[in-house]
Amino acid sequence: MPEFQNKGYAQDTINAVEALYPKAIRWELDTILQEKKLCHLYEKMNYTRTGKIENIKKGMDLVFYAKSLSN
């Protein structure tokens, strides 16, 4: 919803979830490749593309991300 975009809520939520599991050494997620804002968000949060992309249907692909942490 546009009224909630660009306010840092998604970043705060990702940080809060990651903080719940301080011993985690790797996080993985996927999102829709065509959703450029979501891809940008995850890349800004230090997630990197794994190289795996899965076609769901015409015009919709999942792109996979991972983030490795050094504890």
Protein backbone atom coordinates (compact mmCIF):
# COMPACT_ATOMS: atom_id res chain seq x y z
CA MET A 1 0.00 0.00 0.00
CA PRO A 2 1.53 3.30 -1.07
CA GLU A 3 0.89 5.08 2.22
CA PHE A 4 3.20 2.62 3.99
CA GLN A 5 6.02 2.65 1.43
CA ASN A 6 9.38 4.38 1.91
CA LYS A 7 8.96 4.71 5.68
CA GLY A 8 11.47 2.02 6.67
CA TYR A 9 8.86 -0.43 7.98
CA ALA A 10 10.15 -3.34 5.90
CA GLN A 11 13.77 -2.76 6.94
CA ASP A 12 12.76 -2.48 10.59
CA THR A 13 10.76 -5.70 10.35
CA ILE A 14 13.61 -7.63 8.71
CA ASN A 15 16.03 -6.36 11.35
CA ALA A 16 13.61 -7.31 14.15
CA VAL A 17 13.09 -10.84 12.80
CA GLU A 18 16.82 -11.37 12.34
CA ALA A 19 17.41 -10.12 15.91
CA LEU A 20 15.07 -12.83 17.23
CA TYR A 21 17.60 -15.44 16.07
CA PRO A 22 21.04 -14.08 16.95
CA LYS A 23 22.71 -17.47 16.45
CA ALA A 24 21.52 -17.81 12.84
CA ILE A 25 24.39 -18.04 10.42
CA ARG A 26 22.42 -17.88 7.18
CA TRP A 27 19.12 -16.41 6.04
CA GLU A 28 17.39 -17.32 2.80
CA LEU A 29 14.37 -15.85 1.06
CA ASP A 30 12.78 -15.54 -2.33
CA THR A 31 10.72 -12.87 -4.00
CA ILE A 32 9.25 -12.05 -7.37
CA LEU A 33 12.00 -10.97 -9.74
CA GLN A 34 9.73 -8.46 -11.48
CA GLU A 35 9.08 -6.62 -8.19
CA LYS A 36 12.09 -4.32 -8.51
CA LYS A 37 11.43 -2.49 -5.22
CA LEU A 38 11.48 -5.76 -3.27
CA CYS A 39 14.69 -6.87 -4.96
CA HIS A 40 16.24 -3.51 -4.13
CA LEU A 41 15.14 -3.80 -0.48
CA TYR A 42 16.68 -7.23 0.03
CA GLU A 43 19.90 -6.25 -1.72
CA LYS A 44 20.09 -3.14 0.47
CA MET A 45 19.70 -5.45 3.50
CA ASN A 46 22.81 -7.38 2.36
CA TYR A 47 21.02 -10.33 0.80
CA THR A 48 22.68 -11.55 -2.39
CA ARG A 49 21.19 -13.43 -5.28
CA THR A 50 22.05 -17.12 -5.23
CA GLY A 51 21.72 -17.42 -8.99
CA LYS A 52 18.61 -19.58 -8.78
CA ILE A 53 15.56 -18.26 -10.61
CA GLU A 54 12.36 -20.27 -10.91
CA ASN A 55 9.68 -19.49 -13.44
CA ILE A 56 6.19 -19.50 -11.91
CA LYS A 57 4.23 -18.35 -14.93
CA LYS A 58 4.69 -16.02 -17.87
CA GLY A 59 5.99 -12.72 -16.51
CA MET A 60 6.52 -14.04 -12.96
CA ASP A 61 9.78 -15.53 -11.75
CA LEU A 62 11.06 -16.20 -8.26
CA VAL A 63 14.56 -15.02 -7.51
CA PHE A 64 16.36 -16.54 -4.53
CA TYR A 65 18.50 -14.64 -2.04
CA ALA A 66 20.79 -15.56 0.84
CA LYS A 67 22.59 -13.67 3.56
CA SER A 68 25.46 -15.24 5.47
CA LEU A 69 26.31 -13.89 8.89
CA SER A 70 29.58 -14.15 10.76
CA ASN A 71 28.97 -14.54 14.49
